[in-house]
Amino acid sequence: MSVMTRINRLREGMSGLGLGAFLISQPESRRYLSGFTGHDHPPMDSAGYLLITETKLLLLTDGRTTEQAENEAPDHEVIQILEKLPVTLSEILSSLKPSRVAFEGNHLSFRLHEEVRGALRNNSVLVPTYDVVDAMRAVKEPEELEAIEAAAMLADKAFTHLLGIITPGMTEREAAWEMEAFMRKHGSEGLAFDTIIASGPNSSKPHHTPGDRPLQSGEPIIVDWGARVNGYCSDITRTIVLGEADKKFKTLYRVVLEAQTRAEERIRAGILGSKADGLARKVIEAVGFGAQFAHGLGHGVGLAIHESPRLGKKSEDVLEDGMVFSVEPGVYLPGWGGIRIEDLVTLQGGRVSVLSRAPKQIESMEV
């Protein structure tokens, strides 16, 4: 789907909401609606903003990225921000005179909102919206899915590489670097997120930061990683053991794997994210570890590593064909460690199709 097709869909939504203009500040949505990739130097939103009206497509950016914006977003008029965004925006809106200007309420900072509101010199009213573009991005187009599949394939290869070199004594940080270097060397634009290697008791923390702890035989090691291809992310988790796994690990691993398998087999297009979460959660609760499954079953993956839809106990997101999301049940026991198994999947023909191919059977996890 072309950028202009996406823009026209957004304009239809704007018309239905009575909006004269829409200010886009979220970096991934900016890229989705323009093709402009921006830069990776924080704050990323400083690289540019979109202002979309019924007749205008304006891309506001600073002097560092003006040439890049002109090359990547030929359908948009590029305007260089010479002072602050509120000043430039006020000048534009004074000329266009839209009565209602939408902004992304869950992305625009409060400070910038106040500055923009204070700089307006006309009768324009700022109107918060929520998840308008995010909802558009949730259902992936064929070319988006192709990029995500390539990112998943690259991540699978990185895991195979790690299994061939990981040994006791290697630190968490060293193992994470091996994954990152492999993905970069073999075509990843960057990391989808900071790689997690969490060993032994550290693996009871779902988002542990790899440190200098040496990996040891017989303990759980959570590996959570993802590549990025053409801007699109992959997200996969496996839990391994160096040497032979003990009975406790095998018992918990089978529970988590059963929970994931049941969810992947029974999720259907049309159900709520909360129902999808419940398919896996009931398996874990049945053996007494419900309280130790401390996060939702999954989240959407695309240009951002966390986006719509959400699969959690309270999610009202409706799952649709074309969505891409993670399925990642886990059990975490402080003092011992944790087990998480995560696949990246898409809904096609009403059912789950698994994109990640890294092995996950218990026999494959003993390295």
Protein backbone atom coordinates (compact mmCIF):
# COMPACT_ATOMS: atom_id res chain seq x y z
CA MET A 1 0.00 0.00 0.00
CA SER A 2 1.39 3.40 -0.95
CA VAL A 3 1.93 6.24 1.46
CA MET A 4 -0.80 8.21 -0.32
CA THR A 5 -3.29 5.38 0.18
CA ARG A 6 -2.54 5.48 3.90
CA ILE A 7 -2.90 9.26 3.91
CA ASN A 8 -6.28 9.03 2.20
CA ARG A 9 -7.47 6.51 4.79
CA LEU A 10 -6.40 8.89 7.55
CA ARG A 11 -8.13 11.81 5.85
CA GLU A 12 -11.36 9.82 5.73
CA GLY A 13 -11.06 9.26 9.47
CA MET A 14 -10.30 12.94 10.04
CA SER A 15 -13.41 13.94 8.12
CA GLY A 16 -15.53 11.62 10.23
CA LEU A 17 -14.13 13.20 13.40
CA GLY A 18 -14.53 16.75 12.13
CA LEU A 19 -10.78 17.44 12.13
CA GLY A 20 -9.19 20.04 9.90
CA ALA A 21 -5.58 19.05 10.55
CA PHE A 22 -3.63 16.27 12.25
CA LEU A 23 -0.22 16.72 13.91
CA ILE A 24 1.76 13.46 13.94
CA SER A 25 4.65 13.31 16.41
CA GLN A 26 5.21 9.59 17.02
CA PRO A 27 8.32 8.50 15.01
CA GLU A 28 6.90 5.20 13.74
CA SER A 29 3.62 6.79 12.65
CA ARG A 30 5.55 9.60 10.99
CA ARG A 31 7.49 7.01 8.98
CA TYR A 32 4.33 5.03 8.20
CA LEU A 33 2.60 8.09 6.74
CA SER A 34 5.54 9.66 4.90
CA GLY A 35 8.40 7.21 4.34
CA PHE A 36 10.73 9.55 6.25
CA THR A 37 12.91 7.44 8.53
CA GLY A 38 14.26 10.29 10.67
CA HIS A 39 17.24 9.51 12.87
CA ASP A 40 18.08 7.31 15.83
CA HIS A 41 19.53 10.05 18.02
CA PRO A 42 17.29 10.88 20.99
CA PRO A 43 14.89 12.47 21.18
CA MET A 44 13.78 10.76 17.96
CA ASP A 45 10.63 12.86 17.63
CA SER A 46 12.87 15.91 17.19
CA ALA A 47 13.64 14.65 13.67
CA GLY A 48 10.27 15.72 12.38
CA TYR A 49 6.52 16.15 12.60
CA LEU A 50 3.77 15.68 10.05
CA LEU A 51 0.91 18.13 9.63
CA ILE A 52 -1.81 16.64 7.47
CA THR A 53 -4.85 18.57 6.24
CA GLU A 54 -7.44 17.93 3.54
CA THR A 55 -5.14 19.45 0.91
CA LYS A 56 -1.67 19.71 2.49
CA LEU A 57 1.02 17.21 3.42
CA LEU A 58 3.65 19.03 5.44
CA LEU A 59 6.78 17.50 6.94
CA LEU A 60 8.40 19.77 9.50
CA THR A 61 12.01 18.96 10.34
CA ASP A 62 15.27 20.65 11.29
CA GLY A 63 18.33 21.39 9.20
CA ARG A 64 20.06 18.10 10.04
CA THR A 65 17.47 16.04 8.19
CA THR A 66 15.94 18.37 5.61
CA GLU A 67 17.74 16.79 2.64
CA GLN A 68 16.96 13.29 3.90
CA ALA A 69 13.29 14.20 4.30
CA GLU A 70 13.08 15.58 0.76
CA ASN A 71 14.54 12.36 -0.63
CA GLU A 72 12.47 9.93 1.47
CA ALA A 73 9.13 11.77 1.45
CA PRO A 74 8.64 13.14 -2.10
CA ASP A 75 4.85 13.41 -1.64
CA HIS A 76 5.29 15.86 1.23
CA GLU A 77 6.26 19.51 1.34
CA VAL A 78 9.31 19.73 3.59
CA ILE A 79 9.47 22.77 5.85
CA GLN A 80 12.58 23.46 7.86
CA ILE A 81 12.02 24.38 11.51
CA LEU A 82 14.14 27.51 11.91
CA GLU A 83 13.13 28.31 15.48
CA LYS A 84 11.03 26.08 17.72
CA LEU A 85 8.26 23.83 16.44
CA PRO A 86 5.45 25.87 18.10
CA VAL A 87 6.58 29.03 16.27
CA THR A 88 6.76 27.32 12.87
CA LEU A 89 3.50 25.49 13.48
CA SER A 90 1.73 28.66 14.55
CA GLU A 91 2.76 30.41 11.33
CA ILE A 92 1.46 27.52 9.22
CA LEU A 93 -1.85 27.22 11.08
CA SER A 94 -2.41 30.96 10.92
CA SER A 95 -2.31 30.61 7.15
CA LEU A 96 -4.38 27.44 6.85
CA LYS A 97 -6.90 28.35 9.60
CA PRO A 98 -8.19 24.85 10.50
CA SER A 99 -10.74 25.01 13.31
CA ARG A 100 -9.77 21.70 14.95
CA VAL A 101 -6.20 20.37 15.03
CA ALA A 102 -5.77 16.80 16.25
CA PHE A 103 -2.70 15.55 18.07
CA GLU A 104 -1.72 12.11 19.37
CA GLY A 105 -2.75 12.28 23.00
CA ASN A 106 -0.72 9.22 23.99
CA HIS A 107 2.46 10.42 22.25
CA LEU A 108 2.78 14.22 22.32
CA SER A 109 4.52 15.43 25.47
CA PHE A 110 2.60 17.69 27.82
CA ARG A 111 5.28 20.37 27.56
CA LEU A 112 5.13 20.48 23.77
CA HIS A 113 1.33 20.48 23.87
CA GLU A 114 1.37 23.52 26.14
CA GLU A 115 3.94 25.29 23.95
CA VAL A 116 1.94 24.64 20.78
CA ARG A 117 -1.31 25.72 22.40
CA GLY A 118 0.30 28.90 23.70
CA ALA A 119 1.76 29.76 20.31
CA LEU A 120 -1.53 29.53 18.37
CA ARG A 121 -2.62 32.94 17.11
CA ASN A 122 -5.92 31.94 15.57
CA ASN A 123 -9.12 30.17 16.50
CA SER A 124 -7.67 26.65 16.09
CA VAL A 125 -8.43 24.25 18.91
CA LEU A 126 -6.11 21.38 19.80
CA VAL A 127 -8.03 18.09 20.01
CA PRO A 128 -6.52 14.95 21.60
CA THR A 129 -6.98 11.66 19.75
CA TYR A 130 -5.95 8.18 20.78
CA ASP A 131 -4.75 5.25 18.68
CA VAL A 132 -6.02 6.61 15.36
CA VAL A 133 -2.84 5.92 13.38
CA ASP A 134 -1.83 3.12 15.75
CA ALA A 135 -4.99 1.24 14.78
CA MET A 136 -4.19 1.68 11.09
CA ARG A 137 -0.70 0.27 11.64
CA ALA A 138 -1.97 -2.80 13.53
CA VAL A 139 -3.08 -4.63 10.37
CA LYS A 140 0.01 -5.24 8.27
CA GLU A 141 0.19 -4.88 4.52
CA PRO A 142 1.96 -7.58 2.44
CA GLU A 143 5.22 -5.63 2.13
CA GLU A 144 5.22 -4.97 5.88
CA LEU A 145 4.71 -8.65 6.61
CA GLU A 146 7.54 -9.52 4.23
CA ALA A 147 9.93 -7.28 6.18
CA ILE A 148 8.81 -8.75 9.52
CA GLU A 149 9.29 -12.30 8.18
CA ALA A 150 12.82 -11.38 7.08
CA ALA A 151 13.55 -9.93 10.54
CA ALA A 152 12.24 -13.13 12.17
CA MET A 153 14.37 -15.30 9.89
CA LEU A 154 17.47 -13.29 10.73
CA ALA A 155 16.71 -13.60 14.45
CA ASP A 156 16.33 -17.38 14.07
CA LYS A 157 19.80 -17.54 12.50
CA ALA A 158 21.26 -15.51 15.36
CA PHE A 159 19.90 -18.04 17.85
CA THR A 160 21.47 -20.92 15.92
CA HIS A 161 24.75 -19.01 16.05
CA LEU A 162 24.46 -18.54 19.81
CA LEU A 163 23.76 -22.23 20.43
CA GLY A 164 26.99 -23.06 18.63
CA ILE A 165 29.23 -20.88 20.78
CA ILE A 166 27.59 -20.42 24.19
CA THR A 167 29.52 -22.05 27.04
CA PRO A 168 29.67 -21.95 30.85
CA GLY A 169 31.78 -19.02 32.00
CA MET A 170 30.68 -16.71 29.22
CA THR A 171 29.03 -13.66 30.77
CA GLU A 172 25.49 -12.50 30.06
CA ARG A 173 26.91 -9.38 28.43
CA GLU A 174 29.23 -11.39 26.18
CA ALA A 175 26.40 -13.67 25.05
CA ALA A 176 24.21 -10.65 24.28
CA TRP A 177 27.00 -9.12 22.23
CA GLU A 178 27.39 -12.32 20.21
CA MET A 179 23.71 -12.12 19.26
CA GLU A 180 23.88 -8.44 18.43
CA ALA A 181 27.07 -8.67 16.38
CA PHE A 182 25.70 -11.59 14.36
CA MET A 183 22.48 -9.77 13.51
CA ARG A 184 24.32 -6.60 12.53
CA LYS A 185 26.82 -8.52 10.41
CA HIS A 186 24.07 -10.40 8.58
CA GLY A 187 21.83 -7.51 7.63
CA SER A 188 19.97 -6.14 10.64
CA GLU A 189 19.61 -2.34 10.48
CA GLY A 190 19.86 -2.30 14.22
CA LEU A 191 18.35 -4.07 17.18
CA ALA A 192 14.62 -4.26 17.62
CA PHE A 193 15.40 -3.72 21.33
CA ASP A 194 18.31 -4.33 23.69
CA THR A 195 19.02 -8.07 23.77
CA ILE A 196 18.18 -9.79 27.06
CA ILE A 197 20.36 -12.59 28.41
CA ALA A 198 19.16 -13.43 31.93
CA SER A 199 20.80 -16.35 33.69
CA GLY A 200 20.01 -18.24 36.90
CA PRO A 201 18.16 -16.10 39.45
CA ASN A 202 18.37 -13.11 37.08
CA SER A 203 15.92 -14.87 34.77
CA SER A 204 13.08 -14.25 37.25
CA LYS A 205 13.21 -10.61 36.07
CA PRO A 206 11.41 -10.44 32.70
CA HIS A 207 13.39 -7.41 31.46
CA HIS A 208 16.77 -8.07 33.04
CA THR A 209 19.73 -6.09 31.68
CA PRO A 210 22.68 -8.39 30.82
CA GLY A 211 25.59 -8.01 33.20
CA ASP A 212 28.88 -9.65 34.09
CA ARG A 213 27.38 -12.73 35.73
CA PRO A 214 28.97 -15.88 34.25
CA LEU A 215 26.60 -18.42 32.73
CA GLN A 216 26.49 -21.68 34.68
CA SER A 217 25.51 -25.23 33.83
CA GLY A 218 22.10 -26.50 34.85
CA GLU A 219 20.40 -23.12 35.33
CA PRO A 220 17.69 -21.43 33.23
CA ILE A 221 18.93 -18.83 30.75
CA ILE A 222 16.34 -16.60 29.10
CA VAL A 223 17.36 -15.25 25.70
CA ASP A 224 15.10 -12.49 24.32
CA TRP A 225 16.16 -10.78 21.09
CA GLY A 226 15.02 -9.29 17.80
CA ALA A 227 16.32 -7.96 14.49
CA ARG A 228 15.15 -5.01 12.41
CA VAL A 229 14.74 -5.14 8.61
CA ASN A 230 13.46 -2.17 6.55
CA GLY A 231 12.35 -0.60 9.81
CA TYR A 232 10.30 -3.61 10.96
CA CYS A 233 11.04 -5.63 14.09
CA SER A 234 11.06 -9.25 15.19
CA ASP A 235 10.75 -10.42 18.79
CA ILE A 236 11.58 -13.94 20.00
CA THR A 237 12.39 -15.54 23.37
CA ARG A 238 13.79 -18.95 24.23
CA THR A 239 14.87 -20.40 27.57
CA ILE A 240 17.84 -22.76 27.51
CA VAL A 241 20.05 -24.74 29.88
CA LEU A 242 23.76 -25.41 29.52
CA GLY A 243 24.15 -29.14 30.05
CA GLU A 244 21.32 -31.23 31.49
CA ALA A 245 18.15 -29.64 32.79
CA ASP A 246 16.88 -30.74 36.20
CA LYS A 247 13.36 -31.99 36.97
CA LYS A 248 12.10 -28.58 38.13
CA PHE A 249 13.18 -26.89 34.92
CA LYS A 250 11.64 -29.60 32.75
CA THR A 251 8.34 -29.51 34.65
CA LEU A 252 7.98 -25.73 34.44
CA TYR A 253 9.17 -25.65 30.85
CA ARG A 254 6.50 -28.12 29.76
CA VAL A 255 3.82 -26.03 31.48
CA VAL A 256 4.90 -22.84 29.70
CA LEU A 257 5.22 -24.62 26.36
CA GLU A 258 1.77 -26.16 26.76
CA ALA A 259 0.32 -22.74 27.55
CA GLN A 260 1.89 -21.26 24.45
CA THR A 261 0.89 -24.17 22.23
CA ARG A 262 -2.73 -24.00 23.38
CA ALA A 263 -2.90 -20.28 22.68
CA GLU A 264 -1.36 -20.60 19.24
CA GLU A 265 -3.70 -23.44 18.33
CA ARG A 266 -6.89 -21.75 19.58
CA ILE A 267 -6.49 -18.04 18.89
CA ARG A 268 -8.87 -16.99 16.13
CA ALA A 269 -9.55 -13.76 14.29
CA GLY A 270 -12.40 -11.90 15.96
CA ILE A 271 -11.59 -12.70 19.58
CA LEU A 272 -10.51 -10.12 22.14
CA GLY A 273 -6.93 -9.84 23.33
CA SER A 274 -8.17 -10.72 26.82
CA LYS A 275 -9.60 -14.04 25.60
CA ALA A 276 -6.34 -14.87 23.82
CA ASP A 277 -4.47 -14.16 27.05
CA GLY A 278 -6.85 -16.42 28.97
CA LEU A 279 -6.15 -19.39 26.71
CA ALA A 280 -2.57 -19.54 27.97
CA ARG A 281 -3.14 -18.18 31.46
CA LYS A 282 -5.60 -20.93 32.39
CA VAL A 283 -2.95 -23.59 31.72
CA ILE A 284 -0.48 -21.88 34.05
CA GLU A 285 -3.10 -21.12 36.71
CA ALA A 286 -4.22 -24.77 36.72
CA VAL A 287 -0.84 -25.85 38.12
CA GLY A 288 -0.70 -23.06 40.70
CA PHE A 289 1.60 -20.54 39.01
CA GLY A 290 -0.93 -17.93 37.91
CA ALA A 291 0.58 -15.25 40.14
CA GLN A 292 4.01 -15.96 38.65
CA PHE A 293 2.79 -15.16 35.11
CA ALA A 294 3.23 -11.47 35.73
CA HIS A 295 2.66 -9.94 32.28
CA GLY A 296 0.29 -10.17 29.33
CA LEU A 297 0.44 -12.91 26.74
CA GLY A 298 1.69 -10.64 23.97
CA HIS A 299 1.82 -7.39 22.06
CA GLY A 300 1.77 -6.17 18.49
CA VAL A 301 5.08 -5.92 16.63
CA GLY A 302 5.85 -3.80 13.58
CA LEU A 303 7.73 -0.54 13.12
CA ALA A 304 7.69 -0.40 16.93
CA ILE A 305 8.55 -3.35 19.13
CA HIS A 306 5.44 -2.74 21.25
CA GLU A 307 2.32 -1.61 19.41
CA SER A 308 -1.30 -2.64 18.84
CA PRO A 309 -2.85 -5.11 19.47
CA ARG A 310 -2.40 -5.94 23.15
CA LEU A 311 -3.00 -9.44 24.47
CA GLY A 312 -3.58 -9.14 28.19
CA LYS A 313 -6.14 -9.79 30.92
CA LYS A 314 -7.96 -6.50 30.30
CA SER A 315 -7.37 -6.01 26.58
CA GLU A 316 -10.41 -5.12 24.49
CA ASP A 317 -8.44 -5.15 21.22
CA VAL A 318 -10.10 -7.32 18.58
CA LEU A 319 -7.63 -9.59 16.79
CA GLU A 320 -7.83 -9.40 13.00
CA ASP A 321 -6.25 -11.07 10.01
CA GLY A 322 -3.03 -9.31 9.08
CA MET A 323 -2.05 -8.45 12.65
CA VAL A 324 1.39 -9.49 13.90
CA PHE A 325 1.95 -10.09 17.60
CA SER A 326 3.95 -12.08 20.12
CA VAL A 327 2.72 -15.09 22.10
CA GLU A 328 4.95 -15.23 25.19
CA PRO A 329 3.72 -16.93 28.37
CA GLY A 330 6.17 -17.11 31.24
CA VAL A 331 6.66 -18.24 34.83
CA TYR A 332 9.06 -16.35 37.12
CA LEU A 333 10.22 -17.62 40.53
CA PRO A 334 12.39 -15.14 42.49
CA GLY A 335 15.54 -16.79 43.81
CA TRP A 336 15.41 -19.61 41.25
CA GLY A 337 14.78 -18.03 37.86
CA GLY A 338 12.22 -17.98 35.11
CA ILE A 339 11.05 -19.51 31.87
CA ARG A 340 9.58 -17.62 28.94
CA ILE A 341 8.88 -18.92 25.44
CA GLU A 342 7.95 -16.33 22.82
CA ASP A 343 6.97 -16.76 19.21
CA LEU A 344 6.25 -14.02 16.70
CA VAL A 345 2.99 -14.85 14.89
CA THR A 346 0.53 -13.42 12.41
CA LEU A 347 -3.16 -14.06 11.86
CA GLN A 348 -3.87 -15.36 8.36
CA GLY A 349 -7.13 -16.99 7.27
CA GLY A 350 -8.46 -16.52 10.78
CA ARG A 351 -5.76 -18.60 12.48
CA VAL A 352 -2.26 -18.21 13.86
CA SER A 353 0.72 -18.65 11.56
CA VAL A 354 4.03 -18.81 13.45
CA LEU A 355 6.82 -16.72 11.92
CA SER A 356 9.67 -17.61 14.29
CA ARG A 357 11.29 -21.00 13.64
CA ALA A 358 13.91 -21.21 16.40
CA PRO A 359 13.64 -24.61 18.16
CA LYS A 360 11.72 -24.74 21.43
CA GLN A 361 11.17 -28.40 22.28
CA ILE A 362 12.64 -29.33 25.65
CA GLU A 363 15.32 -31.54 24.10
CA SER A 364 16.54 -28.62 21.98
CA MET A 365 16.91 -26.36 25.01
CA GLU A 366 19.64 -28.48 26.61
CA VAL A 367 22.78 -27.06 24.99
